[in-house]
Amino acid sequence: MPRRRTSRVKRPSPERRLHLSVSSPRIVCWGFLRCLKRSLKVALIAALLAGALWGVQTGMREFFIENEEFQLRNVDLESNGEMTAGDFIRLCKLDPEASIFALRLRDLRQILLERPGIESVELSRRLPGTLRVKVIEREPIAWLECRPLGIVGRNPATGILLDQSGVCYPCDFWVEEKAAPLPVLLVSEVEEGDITLGKELRHHESRRALELIRCAREKLRGVEWSLPVVAVSNDYSLEAATSSGLLATFGMYDHEEQLDDLI
């Protein structure tokens, strides 16, 4: 009987399969050219993107930075203290011909807040050429003098000012005129950390002397004399010299009643 034909093809077993790897200089060359072509495409796209970015940056610089329309023409400064727009320009060393977009507001803010006499700052731009500045300054009520530490009252170079909370800070150049007639708080013996710039006075007796100065400031309004000097005498009393030449001794507390008796 003849064998029945079939279309089934016998496949070799895995053990009998042959794995051929064909390599020739021409095939290698074509593979290299394909890789080179892809690389050139990527490089071209990157170059186009870089050129576009450079063009955008150049255009923005010419429009915002080098455009005379946005040149700094006015500093609108609002302050509760003595700082003026001229003082602000001097402190921050502003270029009056710079564009308002060239000003780094964060850096300007940091320059101002490095001064302990400034509590807060707000900066903003107003087109086309105005820089708006809002400053909250500390209000000084007295000088602090401590000769052993080289702190001399009513001396802008070495003196320290005190606000109502007892915060210590140096005398800025725009405050010198207002601070000149303020009373002086004298103290001779302090411990380390009692006097720190930018922080409240920690010396207890000096804080009581500052309280006397604050009370006298309110109580002696309209009176012909004042207390230009208040000194810490010891841990339970204060000595105050009046502008009329009298020397008065105060306790550490009940200053309003003692001032009433003195008046």
Protein backbone atom coordinates (compact mmCIF):
# COMPACT_ATOMS: atom_id res chain seq x y z
CA MET A 1 0.00 0.00 0.00
CA PRO A 2 1.55 3.37 -0.95
CA ARG A 3 2.46 5.83 1.91
CA ARG A 4 0.10 8.66 2.42
CA ARG A 5 1.62 12.02 1.72
CA THR A 6 1.29 14.77 4.31
CA SER A 7 2.23 18.44 4.49
CA ARG A 8 3.58 18.15 8.01
CA VAL A 9 7.20 19.21 8.23
CA LYS A 10 9.44 17.66 10.73
CA ARG A 11 11.27 20.24 12.80
CA PRO A 12 14.64 19.42 14.18
CA SER A 13 14.93 18.94 17.88
CA PRO A 14 16.47 21.73 19.93
CA GLU A 15 19.62 19.71 20.27
CA ARG A 16 20.06 19.64 16.48
CA ARG A 17 19.31 23.32 15.70
CA LEU A 18 22.12 25.42 14.29
CA HIS A 19 22.69 29.02 15.35
CA LEU A 20 24.46 31.01 12.70
CA SER A 21 25.95 34.46 13.18
CA VAL A 22 26.84 36.11 9.93
CA SER A 23 29.25 39.03 10.01
CA SER A 24 30.95 40.94 7.25
CA PRO A 25 32.57 44.39 6.83
CA ARG A 26 29.61 45.60 4.78
CA ILE A 27 27.04 44.61 7.44
CA VAL A 28 29.12 46.25 10.19
CA CYS A 29 29.44 49.41 8.11
CA TRP A 30 25.68 49.64 7.53
CA GLY A 31 25.01 49.15 11.25
CA PHE A 32 27.47 51.93 12.10
CA LEU A 33 25.85 54.28 9.59
CA ARG A 34 22.41 53.66 11.07
CA CYS A 35 23.67 54.50 14.59
CA LEU A 36 25.45 57.59 13.27
CA LYS A 37 22.26 58.74 11.56
CA ARG A 38 20.26 58.42 14.77
CA SER A 39 22.95 60.29 16.73
CA LEU A 40 23.00 63.13 14.19
CA LYS A 41 19.22 63.48 14.46
CA VAL A 42 19.40 63.68 18.26
CA ALA A 43 22.25 66.21 18.09
CA LEU A 44 20.36 68.32 15.55
CA ILE A 45 17.22 68.39 17.70
CA ALA A 46 19.29 69.32 20.78
CA ALA A 47 21.02 72.11 18.83
CA LEU A 48 17.67 73.48 17.65
CA LEU A 49 16.27 73.45 21.19
CA ALA A 50 19.39 75.15 22.57
CA GLY A 51 19.21 77.79 19.87
CA ALA A 52 15.55 78.41 20.55
CA LEU A 53 16.21 78.72 24.29
CA TRP A 54 19.08 81.14 23.68
CA GLY A 55 16.86 83.19 21.39
CA VAL A 56 14.08 83.36 23.98
CA GLN A 57 16.52 84.35 26.74
CA THR A 58 18.11 87.02 24.55
CA GLY A 59 14.73 88.38 23.55
CA MET A 60 13.49 88.49 27.13
CA ARG A 61 16.68 90.19 28.25
CA GLU A 62 16.41 92.84 25.56
CA PHE A 63 12.72 93.41 26.32
CA PHE A 64 12.82 93.41 30.12
CA ILE A 65 16.40 94.13 31.23
CA GLU A 66 17.78 96.42 28.52
CA ASN A 67 14.53 98.19 27.71
CA GLU A 68 14.73 101.82 28.89
CA GLU A 69 10.99 101.82 29.49
CA PHE A 70 11.55 99.63 32.57
CA GLN A 71 14.45 101.67 33.96
CA LEU A 72 14.22 102.36 37.69
CA ARG A 73 12.79 105.87 37.98
CA ASN A 74 11.21 105.93 41.41
CA VAL A 75 11.52 104.23 44.80
CA ASP A 76 8.19 104.46 46.60
CA LEU A 77 9.19 103.85 50.22
CA GLU A 78 6.76 103.65 53.13
CA SER A 79 8.22 103.46 56.64
CA ASN A 80 7.03 103.98 60.20
CA GLY A 81 10.49 105.30 61.08
CA GLU A 82 13.17 107.57 59.69
CA MET A 83 14.30 105.68 56.56
CA THR A 84 13.87 107.54 53.28
CA ALA A 85 14.10 106.39 49.68
CA GLY A 86 17.60 107.88 49.52
CA ASP A 87 18.64 105.91 52.61
CA PHE A 88 17.28 102.74 51.01
CA ILE A 89 19.22 103.35 47.78
CA ARG A 90 22.40 104.04 49.76
CA LEU A 91 22.02 100.98 51.97
CA CYS A 92 21.27 98.57 49.10
CA LYS A 93 23.73 100.28 46.69
CA LEU A 94 21.14 100.42 43.92
CA ASP A 95 22.11 101.37 40.39
CA PRO A 96 19.69 104.20 39.46
CA GLU A 97 19.97 103.25 35.79
CA ALA A 98 19.16 99.56 36.29
CA SER A 99 15.97 97.92 35.09
CA ILE A 100 13.46 97.07 37.79
CA PHE A 101 13.54 93.50 36.45
CA ALA A 102 17.30 93.36 37.09
CA LEU A 103 16.71 93.98 40.81
CA ARG A 104 16.73 90.82 42.93
CA LEU A 105 14.01 91.53 45.46
CA ARG A 106 15.00 88.58 47.64
CA ASP A 107 18.56 89.90 47.94
CA LEU A 108 17.35 93.43 48.71
CA ARG A 109 15.03 92.08 51.39
CA GLN A 110 17.89 90.12 52.95
CA ILE A 111 20.10 93.22 53.05
CA LEU A 112 17.43 95.12 54.97
CA LEU A 113 16.60 92.31 57.40
CA GLU A 114 20.28 91.96 58.29
CA ARG A 115 19.81 95.25 60.18
CA PRO A 116 18.42 94.41 63.66
CA GLY A 117 16.67 97.78 63.70
CA ILE A 118 14.33 96.63 60.91
CA GLU A 119 11.50 94.26 61.83
CA SER A 120 9.89 93.48 58.47
CA VAL A 121 10.17 94.36 54.77
CA GLU A 122 7.85 94.08 51.76
CA LEU A 123 9.12 94.67 48.20
CA SER A 124 7.25 94.74 44.90
CA ARG A 125 7.56 96.14 41.37
CA ARG A 126 5.09 98.52 39.78
CA LEU A 127 5.40 98.99 36.03
CA PRO A 128 6.91 100.64 34.25
CA GLY A 129 9.71 101.83 36.57
CA THR A 130 8.73 101.96 40.25
CA LEU A 131 10.04 99.86 43.14
CA ARG A 132 7.69 99.80 46.13
CA VAL A 133 9.19 99.27 49.57
CA LYS A 134 7.38 98.96 52.90
CA VAL A 135 9.57 98.92 56.01
CA ILE A 136 8.67 98.43 59.66
CA GLU A 137 11.42 99.83 61.89
CA ARG A 138 12.00 99.53 65.61
CA GLU A 139 11.35 102.75 67.52
CA PRO A 140 14.25 103.59 69.83
CA ILE A 141 13.53 104.99 73.29
CA ALA A 142 16.99 104.90 74.90
CA TRP A 143 20.70 104.34 74.46
CA LEU A 144 22.47 101.53 76.28
CA GLU A 145 25.90 102.21 77.72
CA CYS A 146 28.22 99.59 79.20
CA ARG A 147 31.79 100.88 79.37
CA PRO A 148 33.40 97.51 80.27
CA LEU A 149 32.08 96.15 76.96
CA GLY A 150 33.06 99.25 74.99
CA ILE A 151 29.42 100.33 74.50
CA VAL A 152 29.15 104.12 74.69
CA GLY A 153 25.80 105.86 74.77
CA ARG A 154 24.91 108.53 72.19
CA ASN A 155 27.76 107.33 70.02
CA PRO A 156 26.46 105.97 66.70
CA ALA A 157 29.69 104.04 66.11
CA THR A 158 29.81 102.15 69.42
CA GLY A 159 26.43 102.76 71.05
CA ILE A 160 23.42 100.45 71.16
CA LEU A 161 19.78 101.49 70.95
CA LEU A 162 16.87 99.93 72.84
CA ASP A 163 13.24 99.80 71.79
CA GLN A 164 10.27 99.50 74.16
CA SER A 165 10.63 95.71 74.29
CA GLY A 166 14.28 95.97 75.24
CA VAL A 167 15.63 94.71 71.91
CA CYS A 168 19.26 95.77 71.38
CA TYR A 169 20.36 97.03 67.96
CA PRO A 170 23.05 99.32 66.51
CA CYS A 171 22.27 102.86 65.45
CA ASP A 172 21.72 102.98 61.67
CA PHE A 173 22.92 106.07 59.82
CA TRP A 174 19.38 107.24 59.02
CA VAL A 175 18.38 107.15 62.73
CA GLU A 176 21.32 109.12 64.13
CA GLU A 177 19.57 112.51 64.22
CA LYS A 178 16.44 111.22 65.93
CA ALA A 179 18.41 109.09 68.39
CA ALA A 180 20.84 111.84 69.47
CA PRO A 181 18.70 113.31 72.33
CA LEU A 182 17.42 110.00 73.72
CA PRO A 183 18.15 109.15 77.39
CA VAL A 184 21.03 106.87 78.29
CA LEU A 185 20.74 103.70 80.35
CA LEU A 186 23.99 103.05 82.24
CA VAL A 187 25.00 99.59 83.44
CA SER A 188 28.45 98.41 84.44
CA GLU A 189 28.13 94.77 85.47
CA VAL A 190 26.55 92.26 83.10
CA GLU A 191 26.99 88.58 82.39
CA GLU A 192 27.69 86.88 79.09
CA GLY A 193 24.55 86.78 76.95
CA ASP A 194 22.82 89.67 78.75
CA ILE A 195 23.42 91.99 75.78
CA THR A 196 23.00 90.52 72.28
CA LEU A 197 22.26 92.48 69.12
CA GLY A 198 18.85 91.66 67.71
CA LYS A 199 17.61 90.14 70.97
CA GLU A 200 15.94 91.43 74.10
CA LEU A 201 18.05 92.68 76.97
CA ARG A 202 18.37 89.86 79.51
CA HIS A 203 19.90 91.82 82.40
CA HIS A 204 17.07 92.13 84.93
CA GLU A 205 18.10 95.41 86.58
CA SER A 206 18.68 97.03 83.16
CA ARG A 207 15.20 96.01 82.10
CA ARG A 208 13.79 97.73 85.20
CA ALA A 209 15.81 100.85 84.33
CA LEU A 210 14.34 100.74 80.82
CA GLU A 211 10.88 100.53 82.35
CA LEU A 212 11.63 103.71 84.33
CA ILE A 213 12.69 105.46 81.11
CA ARG A 214 9.51 104.32 79.39
CA CYS A 215 7.33 105.56 82.27
CA ALA A 216 9.17 108.89 82.42
CA ARG A 217 8.67 109.32 78.69
CA GLU A 218 4.90 109.12 79.16
CA LYS A 219 4.63 110.78 82.57
CA LEU A 220 6.88 113.78 81.98
CA ARG A 221 5.31 114.99 78.75
CA GLY A 222 4.71 118.71 79.07
CA VAL A 223 7.03 118.93 82.09
CA GLU A 224 10.02 121.26 81.86
CA TRP A 225 12.53 118.63 82.96
CA SER A 226 13.31 115.03 81.98
CA LEU A 227 15.49 112.06 82.92
CA PRO A 228 18.39 112.08 80.41
CA VAL A 229 20.38 109.46 82.35
CA VAL A 230 19.25 106.41 84.33
CA ALA A 231 21.89 104.18 85.92
CA VAL A 232 21.69 100.76 87.55
CA SER A 233 23.08 101.38 91.02
CA ASN A 234 22.69 97.88 92.51
CA ASP A 235 20.22 95.01 92.47
CA TYR A 236 17.49 96.98 94.28
CA SER A 237 17.83 100.67 93.24
CA LEU A 238 18.32 102.98 90.27
CA GLU A 239 19.94 106.41 90.09
CA ALA A 240 18.52 109.01 87.70
CA ALA A 241 19.87 112.45 86.84
CA THR A 242 17.30 115.08 85.86
CA SER A 243 17.86 117.67 83.14
CA SER A 244 17.65 120.33 85.89
CA GLY A 245 20.68 118.89 87.67
CA LEU A 246 19.00 116.89 90.45
CA LEU A 247 19.91 113.30 91.33
CA ALA A 248 17.04 111.00 92.27
CA THR A 249 16.97 107.43 93.58
CA PHE A 250 14.28 105.03 92.39
CA GLY A 251 13.31 101.54 93.41
CA MET A 252 12.95 98.75 90.86
CA TYR A 253 9.14 98.88 90.82
CA ASP A 254 6.19 101.31 91.15
CA HIS A 255 7.89 103.88 88.94
CA GLU A 256 4.72 105.81 88.13
CA GLU A 257 4.06 106.53 91.80
CA GLN A 258 7.68 107.57 92.38
CA LEU A 259 7.55 109.92 89.38
CA ASP A 260 4.33 111.45 90.73
CA ASP A 261 6.12 112.13 94.03
CA LEU A 262 9.06 113.67 92.14
CA ILE A 263 6.81 115.92 90.07
